[in-house]
């Protein structure tokens, strides 16, 4: 749609509403949970206060390499398993 601004110039304005972050339903370690404002595995770990160096992440039954955590995007209804390293003796 073309609109005229206050100095008489024509410019195009989008009719679409701005994109808003929607909640995503994920299964994390067997439990369904909604997450908002995340898009990658790295974002998910941050929202759970988990150090990426201390976990292994499986997304839909495939291991996600640590160097790809910030590049691996999540989708609604994905299944995520997070395994934590535990020390002891």
N, C-alpha and C. Protein backbone atom coordinates (compact mmCIF):
# COMPACT_ATOMS: atom_id res chain seq x y z
N UNK A 1 0.85 -1.17 0.00
CA UNK A 1 0.00 0.00 0.00
C UNK A 1 0.89 1.23 0.00
N UNK A 2 0.57 2.23 -0.80
CA UNK A 2 1.32 3.47 -0.83
C UNK A 2 0.66 4.48 0.08
N UNK A 3 1.48 5.17 0.87
CA UNK A 3 0.94 6.24 1.72
C UNK A 3 1.75 7.49 1.46
N UNK A 4 1.17 8.64 1.79
CA UNK A 4 1.87 9.90 1.59
C UNK A 4 2.31 10.40 2.95
N UNK A 5 3.61 10.70 3.07
CA UNK A 5 4.08 11.17 4.37
C UNK A 5 3.88 12.68 4.45
N UNK A 6 4.29 13.29 5.57
CA UNK A 6 3.99 14.70 5.83
C UNK A 6 4.74 15.68 4.92
N UNK A 7 5.69 15.23 4.10
CA UNK A 7 6.34 16.15 3.17
C UNK A 7 5.95 15.85 1.73
N UNK A 8 4.90 15.09 1.54
CA UNK A 8 4.36 14.86 0.22
C UNK A 8 4.98 13.74 -0.57
N UNK A 9 5.91 12.99 0.01
CA UNK A 9 6.53 11.87 -0.69
C UNK A 9 5.67 10.62 -0.54
N UNK A 10 5.69 9.80 -1.58
CA UNK A 10 4.99 8.53 -1.50
C UNK A 10 5.97 7.46 -1.04
N UNK A 11 5.55 6.63 -0.17
CA UNK A 11 6.37 5.50 0.26
C UNK A 11 5.48 4.31 0.48
N UNK A 12 6.09 3.12 0.42
CA UNK A 12 5.33 1.89 0.57
C UNK A 12 5.32 1.47 2.03
N UNK A 13 4.17 1.03 2.49
CA UNK A 13 4.04 0.55 3.86
C UNK A 13 3.49 -0.86 3.82
N UNK A 14 4.08 -1.72 4.58
CA UNK A 14 3.63 -3.10 4.63
C UNK A 14 2.30 -3.19 5.38
N UNK A 15 1.43 -4.05 4.88
CA UNK A 15 0.15 -4.28 5.54
C UNK A 15 0.25 -5.39 6.58
N UNK A 16 1.38 -6.07 6.61
CA UNK A 16 1.54 -7.17 7.56
C UNK A 16 1.92 -6.64 8.93
N UNK A 17 1.39 -7.28 9.94
CA UNK A 17 1.75 -6.94 11.31
C UNK A 17 3.17 -7.39 11.57
N UNK A 18 3.89 -6.70 12.46
CA UNK A 18 5.24 -7.13 12.78
C UNK A 18 5.23 -8.54 13.36
N UNK A 19 6.27 -9.30 13.04
CA UNK A 19 6.35 -10.66 13.56
C UNK A 19 6.58 -10.63 15.07
N UNK A 20 5.84 -11.47 15.76
CA UNK A 20 5.99 -11.58 17.20
C UNK A 20 6.49 -12.98 17.52
N UNK A 21 7.27 -13.03 18.57
CA UNK A 21 7.79 -14.32 19.00
C UNK A 21 6.65 -15.15 19.56
N UNK A 22 6.50 -16.36 19.06
CA UNK A 22 5.44 -17.23 19.55
C UNK A 22 6.05 -18.33 20.40
N UNK A 23 5.24 -18.88 21.25
CA UNK A 23 5.70 -19.96 22.11
C UNK A 23 5.87 -21.23 21.28
N UNK A 24 6.85 -22.01 21.67
CA UNK A 24 7.16 -23.26 20.98
C UNK A 24 7.00 -24.39 21.99
N UNK A 25 6.28 -25.43 21.59
CA UNK A 25 6.11 -26.60 22.45
C UNK A 25 7.22 -27.59 22.14
N UNK A 26 8.02 -27.91 23.15
CA UNK A 26 9.11 -28.87 23.01
C UNK A 26 8.94 -29.97 24.04
N UNK A 27 9.42 -31.15 23.72
CA UNK A 27 9.51 -32.22 24.70
C UNK A 27 10.97 -32.27 25.14
N UNK A 28 11.22 -31.91 26.40
CA UNK A 28 12.59 -31.87 26.92
C UNK A 28 12.70 -32.93 28.01
N UNK A 29 13.57 -33.89 27.77
CA UNK A 29 13.76 -35.01 28.69
C UNK A 29 12.43 -35.66 29.07
N UNK A 30 11.57 -35.85 28.06
CA UNK A 30 10.32 -36.55 28.25
C UNK A 30 9.16 -35.72 28.76
N UNK A 31 9.39 -34.42 29.03
CA UNK A 31 8.32 -33.57 29.55
C UNK A 31 7.99 -32.47 28.55
N UNK A 32 6.70 -32.29 28.26
CA UNK A 32 6.27 -31.23 27.36
C UNK A 32 6.34 -29.89 28.07
N UNK A 33 6.91 -28.90 27.39
CA UNK A 33 7.06 -27.58 27.99
C UNK A 33 7.03 -26.53 26.90
N UNK A 34 6.42 -25.37 27.18
CA UNK A 34 6.39 -24.27 26.23
C UNK A 34 7.55 -23.33 26.49
N UNK A 35 8.17 -22.87 25.41
CA UNK A 35 9.27 -21.92 25.49
C UNK A 35 8.97 -20.76 24.57
N UNK A 36 9.23 -19.56 25.03
CA UNK A 36 9.07 -18.37 24.20
C UNK A 36 10.41 -17.69 24.03
N UNK A 37 10.60 -17.04 22.91
CA UNK A 37 11.82 -16.26 22.70
C UNK A 37 13.06 -17.06 22.42
N UNK A 38 12.92 -18.31 22.02
CA UNK A 38 14.09 -19.11 21.66
C UNK A 38 13.95 -19.59 20.23
N UNK A 39 15.09 -19.81 19.58
CA UNK A 39 15.03 -20.35 18.22
C UNK A 39 16.07 -21.43 17.99
N UNK A 40 17.12 -21.45 18.81
CA UNK A 40 18.19 -22.43 18.61
C UNK A 40 18.38 -23.28 19.86
N UNK A 41 19.14 -24.35 19.70
CA UNK A 41 19.47 -25.21 20.84
C UNK A 41 20.25 -24.40 21.88
N UNK A 42 21.13 -23.53 21.43
CA UNK A 42 21.89 -22.67 22.34
C UNK A 42 20.96 -21.78 23.17
N UNK A 43 19.94 -21.21 22.52
CA UNK A 43 18.95 -20.40 23.24
C UNK A 43 18.24 -21.23 24.31
N UNK A 44 17.89 -22.46 23.96
CA UNK A 44 17.21 -23.35 24.90
C UNK A 44 18.08 -23.61 26.13
N UNK A 45 19.34 -23.93 25.89
CA UNK A 45 20.25 -24.18 27.01
C UNK A 45 20.37 -22.94 27.90
N UNK A 46 20.45 -21.77 27.28
CA UNK A 46 20.52 -20.54 28.05
C UNK A 46 19.27 -20.32 28.89
N UNK A 47 18.10 -20.61 28.32
CA UNK A 47 16.86 -20.43 29.07
C UNK A 47 16.75 -21.41 30.24
N UNK A 48 17.46 -22.52 30.15
CA UNK A 48 17.47 -23.52 31.23
C UNK A 48 18.67 -23.35 32.16
N UNK A 49 19.45 -22.30 31.96
CA UNK A 49 20.66 -22.03 32.75
C UNK A 49 21.64 -23.20 32.74
N UNK A 50 21.82 -23.79 31.56
CA UNK A 50 22.76 -24.90 31.42
C UNK A 50 23.98 -24.46 30.63
N UNK A 51 25.14 -24.85 31.12
CA UNK A 51 26.40 -24.55 30.45
C UNK A 51 26.58 -25.54 29.30
N UNK A 52 26.67 -25.06 28.06
CA UNK A 52 26.80 -25.96 26.91
C UNK A 52 28.02 -26.86 26.98
N UNK A 53 29.03 -26.46 27.76
CA UNK A 53 30.24 -27.29 27.88
C UNK A 53 30.01 -28.50 28.79
N UNK A 54 28.90 -28.48 29.53
CA UNK A 54 28.65 -29.53 30.51
C UNK A 54 27.50 -30.46 30.15
N UNK A 55 27.02 -30.36 28.90
CA UNK A 55 25.89 -31.20 28.50
C UNK A 55 26.12 -31.78 27.10
N UNK A 56 25.37 -32.81 26.82
CA UNK A 56 25.26 -33.35 25.46
C UNK A 56 23.78 -33.22 25.10
N UNK A 57 23.51 -32.74 23.89
CA UNK A 57 22.13 -32.52 23.46
C UNK A 57 21.80 -33.44 22.29
N UNK A 58 20.65 -34.09 22.43
CA UNK A 58 20.12 -34.92 21.36
C UNK A 58 18.83 -34.26 20.88
N UNK A 59 18.74 -33.96 19.59
CA UNK A 59 17.56 -33.34 19.00
C UNK A 59 16.94 -34.32 18.03
N UNK A 60 15.72 -34.73 18.33
CA UNK A 60 15.00 -35.70 17.48
C UNK A 60 15.87 -36.93 17.19
N UNK A 61 16.46 -37.46 18.25
CA UNK A 61 17.25 -38.69 18.22
C UNK A 61 18.59 -38.56 17.50
N UNK A 62 19.08 -37.34 17.31
CA UNK A 62 20.40 -37.12 16.70
C UNK A 62 21.21 -36.19 17.59
N UNK A 63 22.46 -36.58 17.86
CA UNK A 63 23.35 -35.77 18.68
C UNK A 63 23.67 -34.47 17.94
N UNK A 64 23.60 -33.36 18.68
CA UNK A 64 23.97 -32.05 18.12
C UNK A 64 25.40 -31.75 18.56
N UNK A 65 26.28 -31.57 17.58
CA UNK A 65 27.66 -31.24 17.91
C UNK A 65 27.72 -29.89 18.61
N UNK A 66 28.57 -29.79 19.61
CA UNK A 66 28.67 -28.59 20.44
C UNK A 66 28.90 -27.34 19.60
N UNK A 67 29.73 -27.43 18.57
CA UNK A 67 30.03 -26.25 17.76
C UNK A 67 28.84 -25.83 16.87
N UNK A 68 27.77 -26.63 16.84
CA UNK A 68 26.59 -26.31 16.03
C UNK A 68 25.37 -25.93 16.87
N UNK A 69 25.53 -25.82 18.18
CA UNK A 69 24.40 -25.52 19.06
C UNK A 69 23.72 -24.21 18.69
N UNK A 70 24.50 -23.19 18.37
CA UNK A 70 23.90 -21.88 18.06
C UNK A 70 23.36 -21.81 16.63
N UNK A 71 23.70 -22.80 15.81
CA UNK A 71 23.22 -22.82 14.43
C UNK A 71 22.08 -23.81 14.21
N UNK A 72 21.79 -24.62 15.22
CA UNK A 72 20.76 -25.65 15.10
C UNK A 72 19.43 -25.09 15.59
N UNK A 73 18.50 -24.89 14.65
CA UNK A 73 17.22 -24.29 14.96
C UNK A 73 16.22 -25.33 15.44
N UNK A 74 15.39 -24.90 16.36
CA UNK A 74 14.33 -25.74 16.91
C UNK A 74 13.02 -25.46 16.20
N UNK A 75 12.15 -26.45 16.19
CA UNK A 75 10.81 -26.31 15.62
C UNK A 75 9.79 -26.78 16.65
N UNK A 76 8.58 -26.29 16.50
CA UNK A 76 7.51 -26.70 17.39
C UNK A 76 7.40 -28.24 17.39
N UNK A 77 7.23 -28.81 18.56
CA UNK A 77 7.05 -30.25 18.79
C UNK A 77 8.34 -31.06 18.61
N UNK A 78 9.50 -30.40 18.61
CA UNK A 78 10.76 -31.14 18.60
C UNK A 78 10.94 -31.87 19.92
N UNK A 79 11.73 -32.93 19.87
CA UNK A 79 12.07 -33.70 21.06
C UNK A 79 13.55 -33.48 21.37
N UNK A 80 13.82 -33.04 22.59
CA UNK A 80 15.19 -32.73 23.00
C UNK A 80 15.52 -33.53 24.25
N UNK A 81 16.64 -34.20 24.22
CA UNK A 81 17.17 -34.87 25.41
C UNK A 81 18.46 -34.17 25.78
N UNK A 82 18.60 -33.81 27.05
CA UNK A 82 19.79 -33.13 27.53
C UNK A 82 20.42 -33.99 28.61
N UNK A 83 21.65 -34.40 28.36
CA UNK A 83 22.39 -35.22 29.33
C UNK A 83 23.46 -34.37 29.97
N UNK A 84 23.51 -34.38 31.29
CA UNK A 84 24.50 -33.59 32.03
C UNK A 84 25.65 -34.48 32.46
N UNK A 85 26.85 -33.90 32.43
CA UNK A 85 28.01 -34.60 32.93
C UNK A 85 28.02 -34.49 34.45
N UNK A 86 28.24 -35.61 35.12
CA UNK A 86 28.27 -35.64 36.58
C UNK A 86 29.58 -36.25 37.00
N UNK A 87 30.27 -35.58 37.89
CA UNK A 87 31.53 -36.11 38.39
C UNK A 87 31.33 -36.75 39.75
N UNK A 88 32.24 -37.54 40.12
CA UNK A 88 32.14 -38.17 41.42
C UNK A 88 33.11 -39.33 41.53
N UNK A 89 33.14 -39.91 42.65
CA UNK A 89 34.07 -41.01 42.81
C UNK A 89 33.62 -42.01 43.82
